[in-house]
Amino acid sequence: MKKLFNGLLQGFEYDSGLEFMCSLVPSIKYQMLLVTLFISTIIAEIDVIFGLDATAVGGLIAVMLLELASGTLASQIQKQPFSSRKLSRFTFKMACYLVLIAVPYVFEVSFKKHGNDLASGLFGWLHVFLVTQIVVENIVSILENLAVIMGKEKTYWIDRIKDKFRV
């Protein structure tokens, strides 16, 4: 059986089973297999942790990255130097947002498993509310950054939106 397998590999110009494995899983070559397994596990568990499908998480990440990019550009326009402290603040804020998204969802699922529909419903509502609020807050921040990028007051776009809701 081993001879048959080795013959098959040689037919595809693989010199050994290890060379074939490194072709299938290139992270082995770089001693990064555990890192890639960890990342894959986290991505596979996104729905379990955050209660969002991959598309929604992709949208959340896109909004967060857009906030980072627009904030960096706005800072450059204002002639503020890039600082690791600001990047750390952004990272800390996003980590807090992710915790605020994950915790109510985990509680919702836990209460649902235990048959407590009232608590499950409450945490389900809180989860949806927090996800919505966090995305809206990131969009507000992006709008502030865009106003600065356009050379306008930071509140320019927010004021335009507020004008639409005035009765």
C-alpha atoms as a PDB file:
ATOM      1  CA  MET A   1       0.000   0.000   0.000  1.00  0.00           C
ATOM      2  CA  LYS A   2       2.834   2.364   0.918  1.00  0.00           C
ATOM      3  CA  LYS A   3       4.598   1.505  -2.353  1.00  0.00           C
ATOM      4  CA  LEU A   4       1.411   2.268  -4.294  1.00  0.00           C
ATOM      5  CA  PHE A   5       1.010   5.614  -2.500  1.00  0.00           C
ATOM      6  CA  ASN A   6       4.667   6.558  -3.101  1.00  0.00           C
ATOM      7  CA  GLY A   7       4.296   5.613  -6.764  1.00  0.00           C
ATOM      8  CA  LEU A   8       1.208   7.814  -7.020  1.00  0.00           C
ATOM      9  CA  LEU A   9       3.067  10.743  -5.415  1.00  0.00           C
ATOM     10  CA  GLN A  10       6.048  10.284  -7.749  1.00  0.00           C
ATOM     11  CA  GLY A  11       3.641  10.318 -10.697  1.00  0.00           C
ATOM     12  CA  PHE A  12       2.754  13.860  -9.626  1.00  0.00           C
ATOM     13  CA  GLU A  13       6.444  14.703  -9.082  1.00  0.00           C
ATOM     14  CA  TYR A  14       6.398  14.628  -5.292  1.00  0.00           C
ATOM     15  CA  ASP A  15       9.617  13.191  -3.886  1.00  0.00           C
ATOM     16  CA  SER A  16       8.080  12.221  -0.531  1.00  0.00           C
ATOM     17  CA  GLY A  17       4.961  12.174   1.586  1.00  0.00           C
ATOM     18  CA  LEU A  18       6.316  15.186   3.497  1.00  0.00           C
ATOM     19  CA  GLU A  19       6.718  17.182   0.292  1.00  0.00           C
ATOM     20  CA  PHE A  20       3.107  16.323  -0.607  1.00  0.00           C
ATOM     21  CA  MET A  21       1.912  17.345   2.893  1.00  0.00           C
ATOM     22  CA  CYS A  22       3.799  20.652   2.614  1.00  0.00           C
ATOM     23  CA  SER A  23       2.063  21.224  -0.711  1.00  0.00           C
ATOM     24  CA  LEU A  24      -1.351  20.536   0.848  1.00  0.00           C
ATOM     25  CA  VAL A  25      -0.631  22.457   4.058  1.00  0.00           C
ATOM     26  CA  PRO A  26       2.136  24.995   3.326  1.00  0.00           C
ATOM     27  CA  SER A  27       2.000  26.384   6.866  1.00  0.00           C
ATOM     28  CA  ILE A  28       3.885  23.223   7.925  1.00  0.00           C
ATOM     29  CA  LYS A  29       6.984  24.507   6.079  1.00  0.00           C
ATOM     30  CA  TYR A  30       6.943  27.694   8.133  1.00  0.00           C
ATOM     31  CA  GLN A  31       6.110  26.087  11.488  1.00  0.00           C
ATOM     32  CA  MET A  32       2.792  27.995  11.479  1.00  0.00           C
ATOM     33  CA  LEU A  33       0.363  25.075  11.532  1.00  0.00           C
ATOM     34  CA  LEU A  34      -0.870  25.824  15.062  1.00  0.00           C
ATOM     35  CA  VAL A  35      -1.448  29.469  14.169  1.00  0.00           C
ATOM     36  CA  THR A  36      -3.444  28.612  11.059  1.00  0.00           C
ATOM     37  CA  LEU A  37      -5.430  25.967  12.951  1.00  0.00           C
ATOM     38  CA  PHE A  38      -6.241  28.527  15.660  1.00  0.00           C
ATOM     39  CA  ILE A  39      -7.385  31.113  13.110  1.00  0.00           C
ATOM     40  CA  SER A  40      -9.477  28.537  11.267  1.00  0.00           C
ATOM     41  CA  THR A  41     -11.094  27.402  14.505  1.00  0.00           C
ATOM     42  CA  ILE A  42     -11.973  30.972  15.489  1.00  0.00           C
ATOM     43  CA  ILE A  43     -13.450  31.695  12.064  1.00  0.00           C
ATOM     44  CA  ALA A  44     -15.443  28.453  12.137  1.00  0.00           C
ATOM     45  CA  GLU A  45     -16.850  29.397  15.551  1.00  0.00           C
ATOM     46  CA  ILE A  46     -17.808  32.992  14.675  1.00  0.00           C
ATOM     47  CA  ASP A  47     -21.509  32.169  14.584  1.00  0.00           C
ATOM     48  CA  VAL A  48     -21.283  30.363  17.929  1.00  0.00           C
ATOM     49  CA  ILE A  49     -19.412  33.240  19.583  1.00  0.00           C
ATOM     50  CA  PHE A  50     -20.998  36.312  18.021  1.00  0.00           C
ATOM     51  CA  GLY A  51     -24.338  35.050  16.739  1.00  0.00           C
ATOM     52  CA  LEU A  52     -23.595  36.522  13.323  1.00  0.00           C
ATOM     53  CA  ASP A  53     -23.059  34.719  10.058  1.00  0.00           C
ATOM     54  CA  ALA A  54     -19.835  35.133   8.103  1.00  0.00           C
ATOM     55  CA  THR A  55     -21.323  37.866   5.893  1.00  0.00           C
ATOM     56  CA  ALA A  56     -22.385  39.966   8.884  1.00  0.00           C
ATOM     57  CA  VAL A  57     -19.003  39.503  10.566  1.00  0.00           C
ATOM     58  CA  GLY A  58     -17.341  40.485   7.276  1.00  0.00           C
ATOM     59  CA  GLY A  59     -19.489  43.631   7.224  1.00  0.00           C
ATOM     60  CA  LEU A  60     -18.581  44.394  10.836  1.00  0.00           C
ATOM     61  CA  ILE A  61     -14.895  43.953  10.082  1.00  0.00           C
ATOM     62  CA  ALA A  62     -15.241  46.119   6.950  1.00  0.00           C
ATOM     63  CA  VAL A  63     -16.857  48.924   8.978  1.00  0.00           C
ATOM     64  CA  MET A  64     -14.118  48.670  11.609  1.00  0.00           C
ATOM     65  CA  LEU A  65     -11.343  48.720   9.001  1.00  0.00           C
ATOM     66  CA  LEU A  66     -12.997  51.642   7.212  1.00  0.00           C
ATOM     67  CA  GLU A  67     -13.108  53.538  10.496  1.00  0.00           C
ATOM     68  CA  LEU A  68      -9.411  52.810  11.021  1.00  0.00           C
ATOM     69  CA  ALA A  69      -8.453  53.822   7.472  1.00  0.00           C
ATOM     70  CA  SER A  70     -10.585  56.973   7.433  1.00  0.00           C
ATOM     71  CA  GLY A  71      -9.330  57.946  10.901  1.00  0.00           C
ATOM     72  CA  THR A  72      -5.726  57.484   9.811  1.00  0.00           C
ATOM     73  CA  LEU A  73      -6.298  59.606   6.699  1.00  0.00           C
ATOM     74  CA  ALA A  74      -8.140  62.296   8.692  1.00  0.00           C
ATOM     75  CA  SER A  75      -5.236  62.411  11.155  1.00  0.00           C
ATOM     76  CA  GLN A  76      -2.753  62.850   8.316  1.00  0.00           C
ATOM     77  CA  ILE A  77      -4.842  65.706   6.883  1.00  0.00           C
ATOM     78  CA  GLN A  78      -4.885  67.347  10.325  1.00  0.00           C
ATOM     79  CA  LYS A  79      -1.099  66.874  10.403  1.00  0.00           C
ATOM     80  CA  GLN A  80      -1.282  64.631  13.463  1.00  0.00           C
ATOM     81  CA  PRO A  81       1.486  62.048  13.555  1.00  0.00           C
ATOM     82  CA  PHE A  82       0.585  58.370  13.497  1.00  0.00           C
ATOM     83  CA  SER A  83       0.942  56.922  16.982  1.00  0.00           C
ATOM     84  CA  SER A  84       0.835  53.410  18.330  1.00  0.00           C
ATOM     85  CA  ARG A  85      -1.204  54.752  21.249  1.00  0.00           C
ATOM     86  CA  LYS A  86      -4.052  55.737  18.901  1.00  0.00           C
ATOM     87  CA  LEU A  87      -3.869  52.369  17.175  1.00  0.00           C
ATOM     88  CA  SER A  88      -3.946  50.680  20.588  1.00  0.00           C
ATOM     89  CA  ARG A  89      -6.967  52.775  21.576  1.00  0.00           C
ATOM     90  CA  PHE A  90      -8.745  51.711  18.386  1.00  0.00           C
ATOM     91  CA  THR A  91      -7.872  48.052  18.979  1.00  0.00           C
ATOM     92  CA  PHE A  92      -9.050  48.234  22.597  1.00  0.00           C
ATOM     93  CA  LYS A  93     -12.310  49.878  21.534  1.00  0.00           C
ATOM     94  CA  MET A  94     -12.946  47.197  18.890  1.00  0.00           C
ATOM     95  CA  ALA A  95     -12.169  44.426  21.408  1.00  0.00           C
ATOM     96  CA  CYS A  96     -14.711  45.950  23.795  1.00  0.00           C
ATOM     97  CA  TYR A  97     -17.264  46.082  20.993  1.00  0.00           C
ATOM     98  CA  LEU A  98     -16.685  42.399  20.223  1.00  0.00           C
ATOM     99  CA  VAL A  99     -17.168  41.468  23.882  1.00  0.00           C
ATOM    100  CA  LEU A 100     -20.382  43.517  23.973  1.00  0.00           C
ATOM    101  CA  ILE A 101     -21.607  41.602  20.923  1.00  0.00           C
ATOM    102  CA  ALA A 102     -20.561  38.136  22.129  1.00  0.00           C
ATOM    103  CA  VAL A 103     -21.717  38.177  25.768  1.00  0.00           C
ATOM    104  CA  PRO A 104     -25.454  38.792  25.225  1.00  0.00           C
ATOM    105  CA  TYR A 105     -25.514  36.190  22.449  1.00  0.00           C
ATOM    106  CA  VAL A 106     -23.819  33.553  24.609  1.00  0.00           C
ATOM    107  CA  PHE A 107     -26.303  34.294  27.419  1.00  0.00           C
ATOM    108  CA  GLU A 108     -29.224  34.124  24.971  1.00  0.00           C
ATOM    109  CA  VAL A 109     -28.153  30.679  23.789  1.00  0.00           C
ATOM    110  CA  SER A 110     -27.492  29.470  27.342  1.00  0.00           C
ATOM    111  CA  PHE A 111     -30.891  30.581  28.631  1.00  0.00           C
ATOM    112  CA  LYS A 112     -32.592  29.077  25.574  1.00  0.00           C
ATOM    113  CA  LYS A 113     -30.902  25.709  26.280  1.00  0.00           C
ATOM    114  CA  HIS A 114     -32.184  25.849  29.856  1.00  0.00           C
ATOM    115  CA  GLY A 115     -35.741  26.614  28.752  1.00  0.00           C
ATOM    116  CA  ASN A 116     -35.797  30.160  30.096  1.00  0.00           C
ATOM    117  CA  ASP A 117     -37.514  31.880  27.176  1.00  0.00           C
ATOM    118  CA  LEU A 118     -37.995  35.212  28.962  1.00  0.00           C
ATOM    119  CA  ALA A 119     -34.285  35.668  29.730  1.00  0.00           C
ATOM    120  CA  SER A 120     -33.342  34.266  26.314  1.00  0.00           C
ATOM    121  CA  GLY A 121     -35.611  36.770  24.601  1.00  0.00           C
ATOM    122  CA  LEU A 122     -34.205  39.629  26.683  1.00  0.00           C
ATOM    123  CA  PHE A 123     -30.613  38.752  25.827  1.00  0.00           C
ATOM    124  CA  GLY A 124     -31.582  38.164  22.181  1.00  0.00           C
ATOM    125  CA  TRP A 125     -33.036  41.670  22.034  1.00  0.00           C
ATOM    126  CA  LEU A 126     -29.945  43.092  23.783  1.00  0.00           C
ATOM    127  CA  HIS A 127     -27.682  41.317  21.285  1.00  0.00           C
ATOM    128  CA  VAL A 128     -29.502  42.791  18.276  1.00  0.00           C
ATOM    129  CA  PHE A 129     -29.600  46.226  19.922  1.00  0.00           C
ATOM    130  CA  LEU A 130     -25.866  46.240  20.691  1.00  0.00           C
ATOM    131  CA  VAL A 131     -24.833  44.984  17.250  1.00  0.00           C
ATOM    132  CA  THR A 132     -26.967  47.683  15.640  1.00  0.00           C
ATOM    133  CA  GLN A 133     -25.731  50.411  17.987  1.00  0.00           C
ATOM    134  CA  ILE A 134     -22.077  49.451  17.542  1.00  0.00           C
ATOM    135  CA  VAL A 135     -22.350  49.491  13.744  1.00  0.00           C
ATOM    136  CA  VAL A 136     -24.153  52.847  13.830  1.00  0.00           C
ATOM    137  CA  GLU A 137     -21.494  54.322  16.164  1.00  0.00           C
ATOM    138  CA  ASN A 138     -18.749  53.151  13.806  1.00  0.00           C
ATOM    139  CA  ILE A 139     -20.593  54.745  10.878  1.00  0.00           C
ATOM    140  CA  VAL A 140     -20.891  58.020  12.825  1.00  0.00           C
ATOM    141  CA  SER A 141     -17.134  57.924  13.406  1.00  0.00           C
ATOM    142  CA  ILE A 142     -16.528  57.244   9.698  1.00  0.00           C
ATOM    143  CA  LEU A 143     -18.758  60.213   8.792  1.00  0.00           C
ATOM    144  CA  GLU A 144     -16.764  62.454  11.150  1.00  0.00           C
ATOM    145  CA  ASN A 145     -13.542  61.274   9.514  1.00  0.00           C
ATOM    146  CA  LEU A 146     -14.952  61.802   6.012  1.00  0.00           C
ATOM    147  CA  ALA A 147     -15.939  65.367   6.888  1.00  0.00           C
ATOM    148  CA  VAL A 148     -12.371  66.083   8.019  1.00  0.00           C
ATOM    149  CA  ILE A 149     -10.986  64.434   4.870  1.00  0.00           C
ATOM    150  CA  MET A 150     -13.255  66.689   2.780  1.00  0.00           C
ATOM    151  CA  GLY A 151     -11.967  69.764   4.636  1.00  0.00           C
ATOM    152  CA  LYS A 152     -15.207  70.379   6.485  1.00  0.00           C
ATOM    153  CA  GLU A 153     -16.096  70.581  10.169  1.00  0.00           C
ATOM    154  CA  LYS A 154     -16.137  67.212  11.898  1.00  0.00           C
ATOM    155  CA  THR A 155     -19.902  67.493  12.453  1.00  0.00           C
ATOM    156  CA  TYR A 156     -20.718  68.284   8.809  1.00  0.00           C
ATOM    157  CA  TRP A 157     -22.350  64.958   7.847  1.00  0.00           C
ATOM    158  CA  ILE A 158     -23.923  64.436  11.257  1.00  0.00           C
ATOM    159  CA  ASP A 159     -25.539  67.882  11.046  1.00  0.00           C
ATOM    160  CA  ARG A 160     -26.891  67.023   7.556  1.00  0.00           C
ATOM    161  CA  ILE A 161     -28.449  63.820   8.921  1.00  0.00           C
ATOM    162  CA  LYS A 162     -29.871  65.597  11.970  1.00  0.00           C
ATOM    163  CA  ASP A 163     -31.458  68.186   9.646  1.00  0.00           C
ATOM    164  CA  LYS A 164     -33.319  65.374   7.850  1.00  0.00           C
ATOM    165  CA  PHE A 165     -34.917  64.264  11.127  1.00  0.00           C
ATOM    166  CA  ARG A 166     -35.953  67.702  12.374  1.00  0.00           C
ATOM    167  CA  VAL A 167     -39.667  68.242  12.322  1.00  0.00           C
END
